[in-house]
Protein backbone atom coordinates (compact mmCIF):
# COMPACT_ATOMS: atom_id res chain seq x y z
CA MET A 1 89.65 116.41 60.38
CA GLY A 2 89.64 118.63 63.45
CA PHE A 3 92.19 118.55 66.23
CA GLU A 4 89.90 116.56 68.57
CA GLU A 5 89.42 113.80 65.99
CA TYR A 6 93.16 113.72 65.31
CA GLN A 7 93.90 113.44 69.04
CA ARG A 8 91.49 110.51 69.44
CA GLU A 9 92.93 108.66 66.46
CA ALA A 10 96.60 109.29 67.25
CA GLU A 11 98.23 106.42 69.08
CA PRO A 12 100.78 107.25 71.75
CA LEU A 13 104.38 106.79 70.67
CA TYR A 14 105.24 105.17 73.99
CA GLU A 15 103.26 103.59 76.77
CA TYR A 16 104.05 103.38 80.42
CA GLU A 17 105.47 99.98 81.22
CA ASP A 18 105.60 98.18 84.55
CA VAL A 19 108.75 96.13 85.15
CA VAL A 20 110.18 94.04 87.97
CA VAL A 21 113.85 94.43 88.83
CA LEU A 22 115.51 92.09 91.33
CA LEU A 23 118.84 92.78 92.96
CA LYS A 24 119.97 89.27 93.81
CA PRO A 25 122.25 88.19 96.67
CA GLY A 26 125.63 89.81 96.16
CA ALA A 27 124.15 92.90 94.52
CA THR A 28 121.74 94.18 97.18
CA GLU A 29 124.29 96.81 98.27
CA LEU A 30 123.50 98.60 94.99
CA ARG A 31 119.98 99.44 96.19
CA SER A 32 120.56 103.20 96.59
CA TRP A 33 122.54 103.40 93.37
CA LEU A 34 119.75 101.58 91.50
CA GLN A 35 117.14 104.06 92.73
CA GLU A 36 119.31 106.98 91.57
CA VAL A 37 119.84 105.42 88.13
CA LEU A 38 116.13 104.70 87.76
CA ALA A 39 115.39 108.35 88.58
CA ASP A 40 118.02 109.44 86.03
CA HIS A 41 116.09 107.39 83.43
CA GLN A 42 112.89 109.17 84.59
CA LEU A 43 111.46 105.90 85.86
CA GLU A 44 109.20 105.78 88.89
CA VAL A 45 109.88 103.38 91.75
CA VAL A 46 106.34 102.28 92.58
CA ASP A 47 107.35 99.96 95.42
CA THR A 48 110.43 98.25 96.84
CA LYS A 49 110.61 95.29 99.17
CA GLU A 50 112.90 92.56 100.34
CA ILE A 51 111.77 89.04 99.52
CA SER A 52 113.16 85.75 100.78
CA PHE A 53 113.08 83.26 97.93
CA ASP A 54 112.58 79.64 98.91
CA LYS A 55 112.39 76.73 96.45
CA GLU A 56 108.70 77.34 95.64
CA ALA A 57 109.20 81.08 95.13
CA ILE A 58 112.13 80.38 92.79
CA ARG A 59 110.01 77.94 90.79
CA ALA A 60 107.19 80.49 90.58
CA PHE A 61 109.47 83.33 89.52
CA TYR A 62 111.59 81.24 87.14
CA PRO A 63 109.11 78.69 85.75
CA HIS A 64 111.36 77.82 82.80
CA ALA A 65 114.47 77.14 84.89
CA GLU A 66 116.05 73.79 84.17
CA PRO A 67 115.59 71.37 87.12
CA GLN A 68 119.34 70.70 87.40
CA TYR A 69 119.93 74.40 88.20
CA LEU A 70 117.35 74.56 91.00
CA PRO A 71 119.63 73.39 93.88
CA GLY A 72 122.24 76.03 92.99
CA MET A 73 119.56 78.70 92.69
CA VAL A 74 118.13 77.76 96.09
CA GLU A 75 121.60 77.94 97.64
CA HIS A 76 122.31 81.32 96.01
CA PHE A 77 118.95 82.87 96.89
CA SER A 78 119.09 81.63 100.49
CA ARG A 79 122.19 83.78 101.19
CA GLU A 80 120.09 86.92 101.73
CA PRO A 81 116.73 88.37 100.68
CA VAL A 82 116.53 89.86 97.21
CA VAL A 83 115.59 93.50 96.72
CA ALA A 84 112.53 93.57 94.47
CA VAL A 85 111.63 96.83 92.76
CA HIS A 86 108.41 97.61 90.87
CA VAL A 87 109.42 100.14 88.22
CA ARG A 88 107.08 102.16 85.97
CA GLY A 89 107.85 104.50 83.12
CA LEU A 90 108.08 105.18 79.44
CA ASP A 91 110.16 102.53 77.70
CA ALA A 92 110.94 100.93 81.08
CA LEU A 93 111.77 97.52 79.58
CA ARG A 94 114.58 98.94 77.45
CA ALA A 95 115.90 101.20 80.20
CA CYS A 96 115.94 98.41 82.78
CA SER A 97 117.72 96.14 80.33
CA GLU A 98 120.45 98.78 79.97
CA ILE A 99 120.65 99.20 83.74
CA LYS A 100 120.98 95.42 84.09
CA GLN A 101 124.04 95.52 81.82
CA GLU A 102 125.53 98.34 83.93
CA VAL A 103 125.12 96.32 87.13
CA ARG A 104 126.75 93.29 85.54
CA ALA A 105 129.69 95.45 84.46
CA ILE A 106 130.05 97.11 87.87
CA LEU A 107 130.10 93.75 89.65
CA GLU A 108 132.05 92.05 86.85
CA VAL A 109 129.43 89.32 86.65
CA LYS A 110 129.53 87.04 83.66
CA PRO A 111 126.79 84.63 82.57
CA PRO A 112 125.53 82.20 83.70
CA ALA A 113 126.03 83.84 87.10
CA ASP A 114 123.84 86.86 87.57
CA ALA A 115 123.35 89.63 90.09
CA ILE A 116 120.27 91.33 88.70
CA HIS A 117 117.06 90.45 86.94
CA ALA A 118 114.81 92.73 84.89
CA SER A 119 111.60 91.72 83.14
CA ASP A 120 112.14 90.78 79.50
CA SER A 121 108.63 91.50 78.21
CA ILE A 122 105.33 93.05 79.23
CA GLU A 123 103.78 89.59 79.61
CA GLU A 124 106.67 88.40 81.77
CA ALA A 125 106.49 91.58 83.86
CA LYS A 126 102.78 91.04 84.56
CA ARG A 127 103.47 87.52 85.80
CA GLU A 128 106.46 88.67 87.86
CA LEU A 129 104.46 91.51 89.44
CA GLU A 130 101.89 88.95 90.56
CA VAL A 131 104.47 86.44 91.85
CA THR A 132 106.30 89.12 93.87
CA GLY A 133 103.05 90.50 95.28
CA PHE A 134 103.29 93.97 93.79
């Protein structure tokens, strides 16, 4: 087998992944820090925007949320727009999960309260990219 055939047959070890990260109300002041940390992880910030989440947007973004939590979510998200970030890079899901844990530690946030969201899977990220308009 020649090099060209080997190259065509070899599968990449990693693929670029697209992920959505949300800095929720109470964490939006970490916007600059987040961009620096993403760069440190060699992740590209494709786009950033502020989004006001109303009840319908919350339902679209969190389709599996229990109905009893919706009023609290609406109240929380109405405090200020979220900072939505479209992130792309190698192993972005794992890196953004680690960054999410860092933010929680910095802000001393404990579940079920949360200050940051990061896509959990490629499928979820695709849906979230569509919902946020990226």
